[in-house]
C-alpha atoms as a PDB file:
ATOM      1  CA  ARG A   1     120.133-213.613 -13.752  1.00  0.00           C
ATOM      2  CA  GLU A   2     119.006-212.039 -10.459  1.00  0.00           C
ATOM      3  CA  VAL A   3     115.753-210.778 -11.929  1.00  0.00           C
ATOM      4  CA  GLY A   4     115.205-214.143 -13.605  1.00  0.00           C
ATOM      5  CA  ALA A   5     115.468-215.888 -10.228  1.00  0.00           C
ATOM      6  CA  LEU A   6     112.904-213.483  -8.771  1.00  0.00           C
ATOM      7  CA  GLU A   7     110.539-214.037 -11.697  1.00  0.00           C
ATOM      8  CA  ALA A   8     110.852-217.815 -11.363  1.00  0.00           C
ATOM      9  CA  LEU A   9     110.032-217.682  -7.658  1.00  0.00           C
ATOM     10  CA  ALA A  10     107.103-215.338  -8.236  1.00  0.00           C
ATOM     11  CA  ALA A  11     105.720-217.590 -10.998  1.00  0.00           C
ATOM     12  CA  SER A  12     106.040-220.668  -8.757  1.00  0.00           C
ATOM     13  CA  GLN A  13     103.832-218.916  -6.214  1.00  0.00           C
ATOM     14  CA  GLY A  14     101.145-217.913  -8.679  1.00  0.00           C
ATOM     15  CA  PHE A  15     102.298-214.436  -9.704  1.00  0.00           C
ATOM     16  CA  LEU A  16     101.157-213.661 -13.241  1.00  0.00           C
ATOM     17  CA  GLY A  17     102.913-211.361 -15.675  1.00  0.00           C
ATOM     18  CA  ARG A  18     106.252-209.594 -15.604  1.00  0.00           C
ATOM     19  CA  LEU A  19     107.638-208.157 -12.398  1.00  0.00           C
ATOM     20  CA  GLN A  20     107.464-204.397 -12.137  1.00  0.00           C
ATOM     21  CA  PRO A  21     110.133-202.292 -10.380  1.00  0.00           C
ATOM     22  CA  TRP A  22     108.020-202.057  -7.223  1.00  0.00           C
ATOM     23  CA  ASP A  23     107.756-205.877  -7.046  1.00  0.00           C
ATOM     24  CA  LEU A  24     111.485-206.582  -6.904  1.00  0.00           C
ATOM     25  CA  ASP A  25     112.224-205.822  -3.254  1.00  0.00           C
ATOM     26  CA  TYR A  26     109.289-207.940  -2.077  1.00  0.00           C
ATOM     27  CA  TRP A  27     110.287-211.001  -4.098  1.00  0.00           C
ATOM     28  CA  GLU A  28     113.946-210.541  -3.235  1.00  0.00           C
ATOM     29  CA  GLU A  29     113.001-210.811   0.439  1.00  0.00           C
ATOM     30  CA  ARG A  30     110.969-213.961  -0.285  1.00  0.00           C
ATOM     31  CA  LEU A  31     113.936-215.444  -2.183  1.00  0.00           C
ATOM     32  CA  ARG A  32     116.199-214.636   0.756  1.00  0.00           C
ATOM     33  CA  GLU A  33     113.880-216.559   3.065  1.00  0.00           C
ATOM     34  CA  VAL A  34     113.694-219.562   0.721  1.00  0.00           C
ATOM     35  CA  SER A  35     117.271-219.886  -0.496  1.00  0.00           C
ATOM     36  CA  CYS A  36     119.226-218.560   2.484  1.00  0.00           C
ATOM     37  CA  ALA A  37     117.017-219.709   5.376  1.00  0.00           C
ATOM     38  CA  VAL A  38     117.290-216.274   7.012  1.00  0.00           C
ATOM     39  CA  ASP A  39     114.411-215.666   9.395  1.00  0.00           C
ATOM     40  CA  GLU A  40     114.643-211.932  10.100  1.00  0.00           C
ATOM     41  CA  GLU A  41     112.258-212.089  13.024  1.00  0.00           C
ATOM     42  CA  ALA A  42     114.174-214.888  14.769  1.00  0.00           C
ATOM     43  CA  LEU A  43     117.479-213.173  13.975  1.00  0.00           C
ATOM     44  CA  ARG A  44     116.422-210.057  15.888  1.00  0.00           C
ATOM     45  CA  GLU A  45     116.884-212.010  19.131  1.00  0.00           C
ATOM     46  CA  TYR A  46     120.637-211.943  18.373  1.00  0.00           C
ATOM     47  CA  LEU A  47     120.857-208.270  17.398  1.00  0.00           C
ATOM     48  CA  ALA A  48     120.567-206.260  20.606  1.00  0.00           C
ATOM     49  CA  LEU A  49     121.545-202.602  20.356  1.00  0.00           C
ATOM     50  CA  PRO A  50     123.919-202.471  23.379  1.00  0.00           C
ATOM     51  CA  ARG A  51     126.118-205.298  22.031  1.00  0.00           C
ATOM     52  CA  ILE A  52     126.087-203.798  18.538  1.00  0.00           C
ATOM     53  CA  LEU A  53     127.271-200.449  19.890  1.00  0.00           C
ATOM     54  CA  ASP A  54     130.066-202.127  21.844  1.00  0.00           C
ATOM     55  CA  ALA A  55     131.213-203.960  18.717  1.00  0.00           C
ATOM     56  CA  LEU A  56     130.941-200.824  16.560  1.00  0.00           C
ATOM     57  CA  PHE A  57     132.950-198.706  18.986  1.00  0.00           C
ATOM     58  CA  GLY A  58     135.513-201.492  19.272  1.00  0.00           C
ATOM     59  CA  LEU A  59     135.816-201.504  15.493  1.00  0.00           C
ATOM     60  CA  ALA A  60     136.413-197.729  15.483  1.00  0.00           C
ATOM     61  CA  SER A  61     139.185-198.292  18.020  1.00  0.00           C
ATOM     62  CA  ARG A  62     140.909-200.963  15.913  1.00  0.00           C
ATOM     63  CA  LEU A  63     140.542-199.183  12.573  1.00  0.00           C
ATOM     64  CA  PHE A  64     141.115-195.564  13.514  1.00  0.00           C
ATOM     65  CA  GLY A  65     142.579-195.531  17.023  1.00  0.00           C
ATOM     66  CA  LEU A  66     139.478-193.841  18.457  1.00  0.00           C
ATOM     67  CA  ARG A  67     137.894-194.089  21.875  1.00  0.00           C
ATOM     68  CA  VAL A  68     134.112-193.652  22.050  1.00  0.00           C
ATOM     69  CA  THR A  69     132.886-192.897  25.560  1.00  0.00           C
ATOM     70  CA  HIS A  70     129.349-192.564  26.879  1.00  0.00           C
ATOM     71  CA  VAL A  71     129.033-189.338  28.881  1.00  0.00           C
ATOM     72  CA  ALA A  72     126.356-187.881  31.128  1.00  0.00           C
ATOM     73  CA  TRP A  73     123.602-185.923  29.448  1.00  0.00           C
ATOM     74  CA  PRO A  74     124.400-182.220  29.963  1.00  0.00           C
ATOM     75  CA  PRO A  75     121.635-179.980  31.352  1.00  0.00           C
ATOM     76  CA  GLU A  76     122.051-177.448  28.538  1.00  0.00           C
ATOM     77  CA  LEU A  77     120.684-179.999  26.055  1.00  0.00           C
ATOM     78  CA  GLY A  78     117.369-180.109  27.879  1.00  0.00           C
ATOM     79  CA  GLY A  79     115.275-183.121  28.730  1.00  0.00           C
ATOM     80  CA  GLN A  80     115.797-186.364  26.864  1.00  0.00           C
ATOM     81  CA  THR A  81     114.483-189.917  26.943  1.00  0.00           C
ATOM     82  CA  GLU A  82     116.305-192.615  24.977  1.00  0.00           C
ATOM     83  CA  ALA A  83     118.991-190.465  23.341  1.00  0.00           C
ATOM     84  CA  ALA A  84     122.586-190.793  24.561  1.00  0.00           C
ATOM     85  CA  LEU A  85     125.652-188.579  24.251  1.00  0.00           C
ATOM     86  CA  TYR A  86     129.097-189.933  23.330  1.00  0.00           C
ATOM     87  CA  ASN A  87     132.519-188.307  23.123  1.00  0.00           C
ATOM     88  CA  VAL A  88     135.019-189.373  20.453  1.00  0.00           C
ATOM     89  CA  SER A  89     138.701-188.934  21.258  1.00  0.00           C
ATOM     90  CA  ASP A  90     142.103-190.026  20.022  1.00  0.00           C
ATOM     91  CA  ALA A  91     142.871-193.173  22.005  1.00  0.00           C
ATOM     92  CA  GLU A  92     146.613-192.517  22.037  1.00  0.00           C
ATOM     93  CA  THR A  93     146.702-188.826  22.947  1.00  0.00           C
ATOM     94  CA  GLY A  94     143.303-188.444  24.612  1.00  0.00           C
ATOM     95  CA  ARG A  95     142.537-185.406  22.435  1.00  0.00           C
ATOM     96  CA  LEU A  96     138.803-184.820  22.125  1.00  0.00           C
ATOM     97  CA  LEU A  97     137.729-184.839  18.474  1.00  0.00           C
ATOM     98  CA  GLY A  98     133.997-184.247  18.832  1.00  0.00           C
ATOM     99  CA  SER A  99     130.815-185.808  20.088  1.00  0.00           C
ATOM    100  CA  PHE A 100     127.582-187.284  18.820  1.00  0.00           C
ATOM    101  CA  ILE A 101     124.085-187.911  20.092  1.00  0.00           C
ATOM    102  CA  LEU A 102     122.500-191.249  19.260  1.00  0.00           C
ATOM    103  CA  ASP A 103     118.714-191.188  19.100  1.00  0.00           C
ATOM    104  CA  PRO A 104     117.637-194.780  18.354  1.00  0.00           C
ATOM    105  CA  HIS A 105     113.937-193.917  18.122  1.00  0.00           C
ATOM    106  CA  GLY A 106     114.017-190.875  15.850  1.00  0.00           C
ATOM    107  CA  GLU A 107     111.724-189.954  12.990  1.00  0.00           C
ATOM    108  CA  ASP A 108     114.126-191.044  10.257  1.00  0.00           C
ATOM    109  CA  GLU A 109     117.542-192.576   9.618  1.00  0.00           C
ATOM    110  CA  SER A 110     120.042-189.787   9.153  1.00  0.00           C
ATOM    111  CA  THR A 111     123.045-187.923  10.499  1.00  0.00           C
ATOM    112  CA  SER A 112     122.912-184.178  10.934  1.00  0.00           C
ATOM    113  CA  THR A 113     125.293-181.630  12.359  1.00  0.00           C
ATOM    114  CA  LEU A 114     124.212-179.887  15.553  1.00  0.00           C
ATOM    115  CA  VAL A 115     127.466-177.959  16.078  1.00  0.00           C
ATOM    116  CA  PRO A 116     129.758-177.487  13.067  1.00  0.00           C
ATOM    117  CA  ARG A 117     133.520-177.617  13.334  1.00  0.00           C
ATOM    118  CA  SER A 118     135.180-174.234  13.657  1.00  0.00           C
ATOM    119  CA  THR A 119     138.298-172.739  15.193  1.00  0.00           C
ATOM    120  CA  GLN A 120     136.361-172.348  18.460  1.00  0.00           C
ATOM    121  CA  THR A 121     134.148-175.453  18.544  1.00  0.00           C
ATOM    122  CA  LEU A 122     134.381-179.197  18.048  1.00  0.00           C
ATOM    123  CA  PRO A 123     131.705-180.863  15.910  1.00  0.00           C
ATOM    124  CA  ARG A 124     128.657-182.491  17.432  1.00  0.00           C
ATOM    125  CA  GLU A 125     126.583-184.832  15.291  1.00  0.00           C
ATOM    126  CA  LEU A 126     123.102-186.275  15.714  1.00  0.00           C
ATOM    127  CA  ILE A 127     122.700-189.901  14.600  1.00  0.00           C
ATOM    128  CA  SER A 128     119.025-190.718  14.273  1.00  0.00           C
ATOM    129  CA  LEU A 129     117.639-194.209  13.754  1.00  0.00           C
ATOM    130  CA  ARG A 130     114.037-195.303  13.378  1.00  0.00           C
ATOM    131  CA  LEU A 131     113.843-198.260  15.750  1.00  0.00           C
ATOM    132  CA  PRO A 132     110.693-199.382  17.555  1.00  0.00           C
ATOM    133  CA  MET A 133     110.580-198.892  21.295  1.00  0.00           C
ATOM    134  CA  PRO A 134     111.434-202.123  23.145  1.00  0.00           C
ATOM    135  CA  GLU A 135     109.262-203.737  25.752  1.00  0.00           C
ATOM    136  CA  PRO A 136     109.942-202.535  29.319  1.00  0.00           C
ATOM    137  CA  GLY A 137     113.075-204.165  30.663  1.00  0.00           C
ATOM    138  CA  GLU A 138     114.092-205.525  27.250  1.00  0.00           C
ATOM    139  CA  PRO A 139     116.904-204.278  24.978  1.00  0.00           C
ATOM    140  CA  CYS A 140     116.155-202.742  21.617  1.00  0.00           C
ATOM    141  CA  LEU A 141     116.351-205.522  18.999  1.00  0.00           C
ATOM    142  CA  LEU A 142     117.361-204.667  15.452  1.00  0.00           C
ATOM    143  CA  ARG A 143     116.982-206.108  11.997  1.00  0.00           C
ATOM    144  CA  LEU A 144     119.964-206.482   9.658  1.00  0.00           C
ATOM    145  CA  LYS A 145     118.925-203.362   7.746  1.00  0.00           C
ATOM    146  CA  ASN A 146     118.891-201.423  11.020  1.00  0.00           C
ATOM    147  CA  VAL A 147     122.413-202.605  11.840  1.00  0.00           C
ATOM    148  CA  GLU A 148     123.553-201.558   8.384  1.00  0.00           C
ATOM    149  CA  SER A 149     121.983-198.118   8.885  1.00  0.00           C
ATOM    150  CA  LEU A 150     123.749-197.714  12.233  1.00  0.00           C
ATOM    151  CA  PHE A 151     127.155-198.558  10.733  1.00  0.00           C
ATOM    152  CA  HIS A 152     126.414-196.203   7.826  1.00  0.00           C
ATOM    153  CA  GLU A 153     125.361-193.230   9.930  1.00  0.00           C
ATOM    154  CA  PHE A 154     128.230-193.747  12.364  1.00  0.00           C
ATOM    155  CA  GLY A 155     130.547-193.450   9.352  1.00  0.00           C
ATOM    156  CA  HIS A 156     129.062-190.034   8.577  1.00  0.00           C
ATOM    157  CA  ALA A 157     129.767-188.879  12.122  1.00  0.00           C
ATOM    158  CA  LEU A 158     133.349-190.154  11.975  1.00  0.00           C
ATOM    159  CA  ALA A 159     133.925-188.405   8.656  1.00  0.00           C
ATOM    160  CA  THR A 160     133.142-185.095  10.316  1.00  0.00           C
ATOM    161  CA  MET A 161     135.160-185.677  13.474  1.00  0.00           C
ATOM    162  CA  CYS A 162     138.245-187.213  11.866  1.00  0.00           C
ATOM    163  CA  THR A 163     138.884-184.515   9.260  1.00  0.00           C
ATOM    164  CA  ASP A 164     140.017-180.935   9.650  1.00  0.00           C
ATOM    165  CA  ARG A 165     137.157-179.553   7.605  1.00  0.00           C
ATOM    166  CA  PHE A 166     133.402-179.776   7.823  1.00  0.00           C
ATOM    167  CA  GLU A 167     132.259-182.866   5.899  1.00  0.00           C
ATOM    168  CA  PHE A 168     129.716-180.960   3.806  1.00  0.00           C
ATOM    169  CA  SER A 169     132.056-178.104   2.938  1.00  0.00           C
ATOM    170  CA  GLN A 170     132.112-176.455  -0.442  1.00  0.00           C
ATOM    171  CA  LEU A 171     135.191-178.490  -1.426  1.00  0.00           C
ATOM    172  CA  GLU A 172     135.308-182.157  -2.413  1.00  0.00           C
ATOM    173  CA  ARG A 173     131.617-182.703  -1.725  1.00  0.00           C
ATOM    174  CA  ASP A 174     131.612-186.062  -3.505  1.00  0.00           C
ATOM    175  CA  ASN A 175     133.362-187.617  -0.489  1.00  0.00           C
ATOM    176  CA  ILE A 176     130.170-187.507   1.544  1.00  0.00           C
ATOM    177  CA  GLU A 177     129.304-191.214   1.324  1.00  0.00           C
ATOM    178  CA  VAL A 178     132.811-192.702   1.248  1.00  0.00           C
ATOM    179  CA  VAL A 179     133.329-193.315   4.963  1.00  0.00           C
ATOM    180  CA  SER A 180     129.740-194.405   5.601  1.00  0.00           C
ATOM    181  CA  LEU A 181     129.840-197.007   2.819  1.00  0.00           C
ATOM    182  CA  PHE A 182     133.257-198.139   4.037  1.00  0.00           C
ATOM    183  CA  MET A 183     131.824-198.712   7.522  1.00  0.00           C
ATOM    184  CA  GLU A 184     128.929-200.735   6.092  1.00  0.00           C
ATOM    185  CA  CYS A 185     131.416-203.219   4.643  1.00  0.00           C
ATOM    186  CA  TRP A 186     132.702-204.037   8.128  1.00  0.00           C
ATOM    187  CA  MET A 187     129.293-205.103   9.366  1.00  0.00           C
ATOM    188  CA  TYR A 188     129.777-208.556   7.786  1.00  0.00           C
ATOM    189  CA  HIS A 189     133.402-208.872   8.902  1.00  0.00           C
ATOM    190  CA  ARG A 190     133.222-212.176  10.787  1.00  0.00           C
ATOM    191  CA  PRO A 191     134.997-211.107  14.017  1.00  0.00           C
ATOM    192  CA  THR A 192     132.909-207.928  14.162  1.00  0.00           C
ATOM    193  CA  PHE A 193     129.659-209.765  13.476  1.00  0.00           C
ATOM    194  CA  ASP A 194     130.439-212.441  16.051  1.00  0.00           C
ATOM    195  CA  ALA A 195     131.155-209.749  18.620  1.00  0.00           C
ATOM    196  CA  PHE A 196     127.547-208.536  18.580  1.00  0.00           C
ATOM    197  CA  ALA A 197     125.472-211.445  17.237  1.00  0.00           C
ATOM    198  CA  MET A 198     124.629-213.154  20.522  1.00  0.00           C
ATOM    199  CA  HIS A 199     121.256-214.053  21.943  1.00  0.00           C
ATOM    200  CA  HIS A 200     120.171-211.165  24.107  1.00  0.00           C
ATOM    201  CA  ARG A 201     118.999-213.426  26.955  1.00  0.00           C
ATOM    202  CA  THR A 202     121.356-216.413  26.926  1.00  0.00           C
ATOM    203  CA  GLY A 203     124.456-214.930  25.305  1.00  0.00           C
ATOM    204  CA  ALA A 204     124.569-217.902  22.912  1.00  0.00           C
ATOM    205  CA  PRO A 205     126.195-217.356  19.505  1.00  0.00           C
ATOM    206  CA  LEU A 206     124.363-217.843  16.237  1.00  0.00           C
ATOM    207  CA  PRO A 207     123.590-221.455  15.275  1.00  0.00           C
ATOM    208  CA  PRO A 208     126.190-223.176  13.065  1.00  0.00           C
ATOM    209  CA  GLY A 209     125.889-222.121   9.431  1.00  0.00           C
ATOM    210  CA  ALA A 210     123.744-219.074  10.211  1.00  0.00           C
ATOM    211  CA  PHE A 211     126.471-216.536   9.438  1.00  0.00           C
ATOM    212  CA  GLY A 212     127.094-218.037   5.988  1.00  0.00           C
ATOM    213  CA  ASN A 213     123.370-217.874   5.223  1.00  0.00           C
ATOM    214  CA  ILE A 214     123.226-214.259   6.376  1.00  0.00           C
ATOM    215  CA  VAL A 215     126.148-213.252   4.150  1.00  0.00           C
ATOM    216  CA  GLN A 216     124.622-215.131   1.210  1.00  0.00           C
ATOM    217  CA  GLY A 217     121.358-213.312   1.820  1.00  0.00           C
ATOM    218  CA  ALA A 218     123.127-209.956   1.985  1.00  0.00           C
ATOM    219  CA  ARG A 219     124.675-210.614  -1.427  1.00  0.00           C
ATOM    220  CA  LEU A 220     121.313-211.241  -3.047  1.00  0.00           C
ATOM    221  CA  GLY A 221     120.523-208.338  -5.329  1.00  0.00           C
ATOM    222  CA  SER A 222     124.099-207.029  -5.346  1.00  0.00           C
ATOM    223  CA  ALA A 223     124.227-206.951  -9.152  1.00  0.00           C
ATOM    224  CA  ARG A 224     120.951-205.037  -9.295  1.00  0.00           C
ATOM    225  CA  LEU A 225     122.268-202.592  -6.686  1.00  0.00           C
ATOM    226  CA  LEU A 226     125.474-202.077  -8.662  1.00  0.00           C
ATOM    227  CA  LEU A 227     123.452-201.302 -11.771  1.00  0.00           C
ATOM    228  CA  TRP A 228     121.410-198.866  -9.665  1.00  0.00           C
ATOM    229  CA  TYR A 229     124.604-196.879  -8.977  1.00  0.00           C
ATOM    230  CA  VAL A 230     125.935-197.201 -12.525  1.00  0.00           C
ATOM    231  CA  ALA A 231     122.635-196.066 -14.037  1.00  0.00           C
ATOM    232  CA  ARG A 232     122.482-192.959 -11.880  1.00  0.00           C
ATOM    233  CA  ALA A 233     126.115-192.104 -12.579  1.00  0.00           C
ATOM    234  CA  ALA A 234     125.531-192.559 -16.314  1.00  0.00           C
ATOM    235  CA  LEU A 235     122.386-190.427 -16.143  1.00  0.00           C
ATOM    236  CA  ASP A 236     124.245-187.716 -14.231  1.00  0.00           C
ATOM    237  CA  MET A 237     126.954-187.576 -16.899  1.00  0.00           C
ATOM    238  CA  GLU A 238     124.355-187.593 -19.656  1.00  0.00           C
ATOM    239  CA  LEU A 239     122.477-184.641 -18.167  1.00  0.00           C
ATOM    240  CA  HIS A 240     125.604-182.569 -17.525  1.00  0.00           C
ATOM    241  CA  ALA A 241     127.623-183.377 -20.651  1.00  0.00           C
ATOM    242  CA  ARG A 242     125.276-184.156 -23.517  1.00  0.00           C
ATOM    243  CA  CYS A 243     121.818-182.725 -22.950  1.00  0.00           C
ATOM    244  CA  PRO A 244     120.767-179.389 -24.459  1.00  0.00           C
ATOM    245  CA  ASP A 245     120.861-176.259 -22.341  1.00  0.00           C
ATOM    246  CA  PRO A 246     118.365-175.225 -21.134  1.00  0.00           C
ATOM    247  CA  LEU A 247     117.039-178.650 -20.220  1.00  0.00           C
ATOM    248  CA  THR A 248     113.363-179.133 -20.973  1.00  0.00           C
ATOM    249  CA  GLU A 249     110.938-181.651 -19.527  1.00  0.00           C
ATOM    250  CA  HIS A 250     110.951-183.547 -22.812  1.00  0.00           C
ATOM    251  CA  SER A 251     114.757-183.679 -23.128  1.00  0.00           C
ATOM    252  CA  LEU A 252     115.081-184.765 -19.471  1.00  0.00           C
ATOM    253  CA  LEU A 253     112.667-187.665 -19.890  1.00  0.00           C
ATOM    254  CA  GLU A 254     114.188-188.639 -23.229  1.00  0.00           C
ATOM    255  CA  ALA A 255     117.700-188.711 -21.794  1.00  0.00           C
ATOM    256  CA  GLU A 256     116.580-190.721 -18.768  1.00  0.00           C
ATOM    257  CA  ARG A 257     114.782-193.326 -20.907  1.00  0.00           C
ATOM    258  CA  ARG A 258     117.792-193.658 -23.215  1.00  0.00           C
ATOM    259  CA  VAL A 259     120.287-194.180 -20.392  1.00  0.00           C
ATOM    260  CA  LEU A 260     118.135-196.533 -18.332  1.00  0.00           C
ATOM    261  CA  ALA A 261     117.265-198.670 -21.336  1.00  0.00           C
ATOM    262  CA  ALA A 262     120.981-199.263 -21.866  1.00  0.00           C
ATOM    263  CA  VAL A 263     122.099-199.650 -18.249  1.00  0.00           C
ATOM    264  CA  ALA A 264     119.324-200.434 -15.773  1.00  0.00           C
ATOM    265  CA  GLY A 265     118.462-204.057 -15.108  1.00  0.00           C
ATOM    266  CA  VAL A 266     114.740-203.312 -14.987  1.00  0.00           C
ATOM    267  CA  ALA A 267     113.284-200.378 -16.875  1.00  0.00           C
ATOM    268  CA  PRO A 268     111.238-197.926 -14.759  1.00  0.00           C
ATOM    269  CA  HIS A 269     107.491-197.650 -15.110  1.00  0.00           C
ATOM    270  CA  GLY A 270     106.330-195.466 -17.963  1.00  0.00           C
ATOM    271  CA  ALA A 271     105.085-192.718 -15.646  1.00  0.00           C
ATOM    272  CA  GLU A 272     108.168-192.797 -13.407  1.00  0.00           C
ATOM    273  CA  CYS A 273     110.939-190.216 -13.567  1.00  0.00           C
ATOM    274  CA  TRP A 274     113.976-191.117 -11.469  1.00  0.00           C
ATOM    275  CA  THR A 275     115.415-187.624 -11.612  1.00  0.00           C
ATOM    276  CA  CYS A 276     112.271-186.109 -10.141  1.00  0.00           C
ATOM    277  CA  ILE A 277     112.113-188.504  -7.187  1.00  0.00           C
ATOM    278  CA  PHE A 278     115.825-188.559  -6.299  1.00  0.00           C
ATOM    279  CA  ASP A 279     115.233-186.818  -2.990  1.00  0.00           C
ATOM    280  CA  HIS A 280     118.855-185.956  -2.171  1.00  0.00           C
ATOM    281  CA  ILE A 281     118.634-183.290  -4.860  1.00  0.00           C
ATOM    282  CA  PHE A 282     116.050-181.517  -2.720  1.00  0.00           C
ATOM    283  CA  ASP A 283     117.884-182.000   0.600  1.00  0.00           C
ATOM    284  CA  GLY A 284     119.971-178.867   0.114  1.00  0.00           C
ATOM    285  CA  ASP A 285     122.729-177.723  -2.185  1.00  0.00           C
ATOM    286  CA  ALA A 286     125.500-179.403  -0.170  1.00  0.00           C
ATOM    287  CA  TYR A 287     123.970-182.881  -0.511  1.00  0.00           C
ATOM    288  CA  ALA A 288     122.993-182.600  -4.172  1.00  0.00           C
ATOM    289  CA  ALA A 289     126.507-183.782  -5.048  1.00  0.00           C
END
C-alpha cells in the first residue's frame, strides 16, 4: 500500500515506469509534503539545538533519574570550538557515572568511546552530529532527522554509562541498538516534543495541528522500514542456518535473492547486493552483531 501511494504520486507528476529502490526515499519525502503539510525548512525555525538538549536531558532525568551537567572544557583535551563536555551523574546520590562530548558539527553521525569503562576509569563518549554551522549569533537549527539522530546517539552514550560493562563487550552484543532505538521513540512524545519545539526567536509554540501532521509524516514508510528489518533478520538467519559452508559468491547472491523476493517490499536492483553494502559488517567485529 505504501509503495502504491508513492507510485501514484510519482505518476501524477509525470514519472514514467516503476519506481526503483533509489526512488523511494525521494517520493516518500514528496508525499510527506503533500499529505502531511510538513515544511521541513519552516519547521527548522522551531528546532533549535539548545532547547532540544534541555528537553533531552530533562527526559533522561525523568526516565532514568540522571542529571546531565555542562562542565568547563578541560585543558588536557586541547583546543576546541563548538564541542561541549557534559557529566552524567545519578540525580539522587550525585555519583558520577561518566561523561560525553557533544560535537554538533562533526564529520558523521555516530557515538564512539574515548575512554572505556574499567575499574580505574569512568567511560567518556563522543557524540558526533553532522549539523551545518549556524549564522553568527544564531542558534543551530535542526531538521527532524537531526533530532532523531541526537536522541539515538544519546541513547548509545547512556547505554555505556548506565551499565556495569562496556556496551560493546564480548557478551550480549545484540543489545547495542536497544537503548538508542528506545530513546528515538520518546522524540515524538507530546510533552517532550512541546518542550523543545518553540520558535527560536519568539518562543511561540508550533501552530495548531502541526504536531499531528509531523507525527503522521513520521509514520509514513513505517511498514517499509519494518520490512527492511525483517528482511535483514531473515537473510541473517538464512546465511547462518541454511547456506552451504563455505559460502560462495553464487550461493550468497542466490540466498539473498530468495529471501528478499519473499520478504522485501521492493526487490533490490539486479546488480545490488545488500550483504556487500551493509557497512556495519566492516565497522569492526564488535559492531558486526
